[in-house]
Amino acid sequence: MVPPLTTTPTPSIPPEARKWNWGAFFLTWIWGIGNNVLIAFLVFIPFMGFIMPIILGIKGSEWAWQNKRWESIEQFQRVQRTWAWIGFATSFLGILIMIWAGTYIVHLFQAMLNSGSFEMVSIHKQSI
């Protein structure tokens, strides 16, 4: 006779906690620390860094609901919304910094090319 399978009951996950999580997608391991979702650290494994944000976006809300104690679904949604806004803001700020740095580097090279230093080097090479 085969013994019956025993399963441990999992806490029910409300439908509101089964949605895409932008905070988990943008902030990955930082969001994971704040929500006790330590699987988010897989983002540091090569090639997983490309996949984990998507997995966290899909499953993050469920994992956060299961791994942390929440007073209500409203509190959970409010906290996750805050994570999402922080994620959007840091990503937007990062993009602005990259655009600024790129334009700064382009202008720096243009200034170097127009300074005459390169002309003197090429004249010196021709005379050798």
C-alpha atoms as a PDB file:
ATOM      1  CA  MET A   1       0.000   0.000   0.000  1.00  0.00           C
ATOM      2  CA  VAL A   2       1.283   3.456  -0.955  1.00  0.00           C
ATOM      3  CA  PRO A   3       1.158   6.050   1.806  1.00  0.00           C
ATOM      4  CA  PRO A   4      -0.893   9.139   0.968  1.00  0.00           C
ATOM      5  CA  LEU A   5       0.991  12.178  -0.186  1.00  0.00           C
ATOM      6  CA  THR A   6       1.106  14.911   2.388  1.00  0.00           C
ATOM      7  CA  THR A   7       1.369  18.475   1.304  1.00  0.00           C
ATOM      8  CA  THR A   8       2.062  21.470   3.418  1.00  0.00           C
ATOM      9  CA  PRO A   9      -0.550  24.131   2.929  1.00  0.00           C
ATOM     10  CA  THR A  10       0.779  27.257   1.272  1.00  0.00           C
ATOM     11  CA  PRO A  11      -0.662  30.568   2.297  1.00  0.00           C
ATOM     12  CA  SER A  12      -3.290  31.691  -0.137  1.00  0.00           C
ATOM     13  CA  ILE A  13      -2.088  34.386  -2.469  1.00  0.00           C
ATOM     14  CA  PRO A  14      -4.684  37.037  -3.240  1.00  0.00           C
ATOM     15  CA  PRO A  15      -5.192  37.968  -6.889  1.00  0.00           C
ATOM     16  CA  GLU A  16      -3.811  41.447  -6.166  1.00  0.00           C
ATOM     17  CA  ALA A  17      -0.470  39.824  -5.298  1.00  0.00           C
ATOM     18  CA  ARG A  18      -0.257  37.933  -8.588  1.00  0.00           C
ATOM     19  CA  LYS A  19       0.506  40.965 -10.739  1.00  0.00           C
ATOM     20  CA  TRP A  20       3.670  42.177 -12.441  1.00  0.00           C
ATOM     21  CA  ASN A  21       6.059  43.819  -9.972  1.00  0.00           C
ATOM     22  CA  TRP A  22       7.971  46.796 -11.397  1.00  0.00           C
ATOM     23  CA  GLY A  23       9.946  47.322  -8.195  1.00  0.00           C
ATOM     24  CA  ALA A  24      11.304  43.776  -8.375  1.00  0.00           C
ATOM     25  CA  PHE A  25      12.057  44.183 -12.084  1.00  0.00           C
ATOM     26  CA  PHE A  26      14.033  47.419 -11.712  1.00  0.00           C
ATOM     27  CA  LEU A  27      15.674  46.980  -8.304  1.00  0.00           C
ATOM     28  CA  THR A  28      16.248  43.171  -8.313  1.00  0.00           C
ATOM     29  CA  TRP A  29      18.503  42.291  -5.361  1.00  0.00           C
ATOM     30  CA  ILE A  30      17.816  45.522  -3.434  1.00  0.00           C
ATOM     31  CA  TRP A  31      14.084  44.812  -3.662  1.00  0.00           C
ATOM     32  CA  GLY A  32      14.826  41.191  -2.707  1.00  0.00           C
ATOM     33  CA  ILE A  33      16.509  42.236   0.542  1.00  0.00           C
ATOM     34  CA  GLY A  34      13.613  44.509   1.469  1.00  0.00           C
ATOM     35  CA  ASN A  35      11.018  41.824   0.766  1.00  0.00           C
ATOM     36  CA  ASN A  36      12.901  38.737   2.054  1.00  0.00           C
ATOM     37  CA  VAL A  37      13.115  37.299  -1.467  1.00  0.00           C
ATOM     38  CA  LEU A  38      16.688  36.053  -1.425  1.00  0.00           C
ATOM     39  CA  ILE A  39      16.383  34.286  -4.781  1.00  0.00           C
ATOM     40  CA  ALA A  40      16.851  37.787  -6.213  1.00  0.00           C
ATOM     41  CA  PHE A  41      20.598  37.377  -5.544  1.00  0.00           C
ATOM     42  CA  LEU A  42      20.735  35.043  -8.540  1.00  0.00           C
ATOM     43  CA  VAL A  43      21.003  38.253 -10.557  1.00  0.00           C
ATOM     44  CA  PHE A  44      24.752  38.200  -9.755  1.00  0.00           C
ATOM     45  CA  ILE A  45      25.313  34.871 -11.512  1.00  0.00           C
ATOM     46  CA  PRO A  46      26.529  35.355 -15.099  1.00  0.00           C
ATOM     47  CA  PHE A  47      23.716  35.275 -17.670  1.00  0.00           C
ATOM     48  CA  MET A  48      21.114  35.115 -14.874  1.00  0.00           C
ATOM     49  CA  GLY A  49      21.405  38.884 -14.649  1.00  0.00           C
ATOM     50  CA  PHE A  50      19.464  39.097 -17.910  1.00  0.00           C
ATOM     51  CA  ILE A  51      16.764  36.608 -16.921  1.00  0.00           C
ATOM     52  CA  MET A  52      16.192  37.319 -13.218  1.00  0.00           C
ATOM     53  CA  PRO A  53      14.639  40.788 -13.588  1.00  0.00           C
ATOM     54  CA  ILE A  54      11.948  39.257 -15.804  1.00  0.00           C
ATOM     55  CA  ILE A  55      11.390  36.341 -13.428  1.00  0.00           C
ATOM     56  CA  LEU A  56      11.235  38.751 -10.484  1.00  0.00           C
ATOM     57  CA  GLY A  57       8.793  40.946 -12.364  1.00  0.00           C
ATOM     58  CA  ILE A  58       6.515  37.967 -12.990  1.00  0.00           C
ATOM     59  CA  LYS A  59       6.792  36.129  -9.648  1.00  0.00           C
ATOM     60  CA  GLY A  60       8.052  38.881  -7.337  1.00  0.00           C
ATOM     61  CA  SER A  61       4.706  39.921  -5.899  1.00  0.00           C
ATOM     62  CA  GLU A  62       3.818  36.340  -5.009  1.00  0.00           C
ATOM     63  CA  TRP A  63       7.194  35.710  -3.379  1.00  0.00           C
ATOM     64  CA  ALA A  64       7.027  38.986  -1.445  1.00  0.00           C
ATOM     65  CA  TRP A  65       3.522  38.122  -0.210  1.00  0.00           C
ATOM     66  CA  GLN A  66       4.684  34.688   0.943  1.00  0.00           C
ATOM     67  CA  ASN A  67       8.014  35.673   2.505  1.00  0.00           C
ATOM     68  CA  LYS A  68       7.040  38.699   4.552  1.00  0.00           C
ATOM     69  CA  ARG A  69       4.272  39.426   7.023  1.00  0.00           C
ATOM     70  CA  TRP A  70       1.787  41.997   5.748  1.00  0.00           C
ATOM     71  CA  GLU A  71      -1.007  43.715   7.672  1.00  0.00           C
ATOM     72  CA  SER A  72      -3.321  43.789   4.663  1.00  0.00           C
ATOM     73  CA  ILE A  73      -3.354  43.610   0.891  1.00  0.00           C
ATOM     74  CA  GLU A  74      -3.652  47.412   0.858  1.00  0.00           C
ATOM     75  CA  GLN A  75      -0.422  47.777   2.829  1.00  0.00           C
ATOM     76  CA  PHE A  76       1.261  45.263   0.521  1.00  0.00           C
ATOM     77  CA  GLN A  77       0.152  47.182  -2.574  1.00  0.00           C
ATOM     78  CA  ARG A  78       1.224  50.506  -1.068  1.00  0.00           C
ATOM     79  CA  VAL A  79       4.709  49.173  -0.244  1.00  0.00           C
ATOM     80  CA  GLN A  80       5.128  47.551  -3.668  1.00  0.00           C
ATOM     81  CA  ARG A  81       3.956  50.753  -5.368  1.00  0.00           C
ATOM     82  CA  THR A  82       6.652  52.644  -3.443  1.00  0.00           C
ATOM     83  CA  TRP A  83       9.271  50.131  -4.613  1.00  0.00           C
ATOM     84  CA  ALA A  84       8.038  50.594  -8.180  1.00  0.00           C
ATOM     85  CA  TRP A  85       8.344  54.392  -8.028  1.00  0.00           C
ATOM     86  CA  ILE A  86      11.833  54.142  -6.554  1.00  0.00           C
ATOM     87  CA  GLY A  87      12.756  51.696  -9.331  1.00  0.00           C
ATOM     88  CA  PHE A  88      11.383  53.997 -12.037  1.00  0.00           C
ATOM     89  CA  ALA A  89      13.159  57.013 -10.537  1.00  0.00           C
ATOM     90  CA  THR A  90      16.549  55.313 -10.217  1.00  0.00           C
ATOM     91  CA  SER A  91      16.321  53.881 -13.734  1.00  0.00           C
ATOM     92  CA  PHE A  92      15.329  57.257 -15.183  1.00  0.00           C
ATOM     93  CA  LEU A  93      18.138  58.966 -13.283  1.00  0.00           C
ATOM     94  CA  GLY A  94      20.598  56.328 -14.513  1.00  0.00           C
ATOM     95  CA  ILE A  95      19.531  56.912 -18.115  1.00  0.00           C
ATOM     96  CA  LEU A  96      19.943  60.680 -17.705  1.00  0.00           C
ATOM     97  CA  ILE A  97      23.430  60.200 -16.243  1.00  0.00           C
ATOM     98  CA  MET A  98      24.427  57.925 -19.147  1.00  0.00           C
ATOM     99  CA  ILE A  99      23.152  60.465 -21.700  1.00  0.00           C
ATOM    100  CA  TRP A 100      25.008  63.268 -19.925  1.00  0.00           C
ATOM    101  CA  ALA A 101      28.223  61.214 -19.699  1.00  0.00           C
ATOM    102  CA  GLY A 102      27.993  60.260 -23.379  1.00  0.00           C
ATOM    103  CA  THR A 103      27.537  63.834 -24.537  1.00  0.00           C
ATOM    104  CA  TYR A 104      30.317  64.975 -22.202  1.00  0.00           C
ATOM    105  CA  ILE A 105      32.730  62.430 -23.681  1.00  0.00           C
ATOM    106  CA  VAL A 106      31.771  63.393 -27.249  1.00  0.00           C
ATOM    107  CA  HIS A 107      32.336  67.093 -26.494  1.00  0.00           C
ATOM    108  CA  LEU A 108      35.607  66.285 -24.761  1.00  0.00           C
ATOM    109  CA  PHE A 109      36.919  64.450 -27.831  1.00  0.00           C
ATOM    110  CA  GLN A 110      35.719  67.256 -30.108  1.00  0.00           C
ATOM    111  CA  ALA A 111      37.564  69.787 -27.971  1.00  0.00           C
ATOM    112  CA  MET A 112      40.713  67.666 -28.078  1.00  0.00           C
ATOM    113  CA  LEU A 113      40.524  67.328 -31.866  1.00  0.00           C
ATOM    114  CA  ASN A 114      39.989  71.068 -32.319  1.00  0.00           C
ATOM    115  CA  SER A 115      42.733  72.096 -29.885  1.00  0.00           C
ATOM    116  CA  GLY A 116      45.576  71.733 -32.358  1.00  0.00           C
ATOM    117  CA  SER A 117      47.468  69.158 -30.288  1.00  0.00           C
ATOM    118  CA  PHE A 118      46.785  66.418 -32.792  1.00  0.00           C
ATOM    119  CA  GLU A 119      47.930  68.644 -35.653  1.00  0.00           C
ATOM    120  CA  MET A 120      51.276  69.221 -33.941  1.00  0.00           C
ATOM    121  CA  VAL A 121      51.721  65.475 -33.421  1.00  0.00           C
ATOM    122  CA  SER A 122      50.989  64.734 -37.083  1.00  0.00           C
ATOM    123  CA  ILE A 123      53.363  67.530 -38.216  1.00  0.00           C
ATOM    124  CA  HIS A 124      56.045  66.141 -35.904  1.00  0.00           C
ATOM    125  CA  LYS A 125      55.576  62.620 -37.310  1.00  0.00           C
ATOM    126  CA  GLN A 126      55.877  63.926 -40.883  1.00  0.00           C
ATOM    127  CA  SER A 127      59.158  65.656 -40.099  1.00  0.00           C
ATOM    128  CA  ILE A 128      60.690  62.479 -38.685  1.00  0.00           C
END
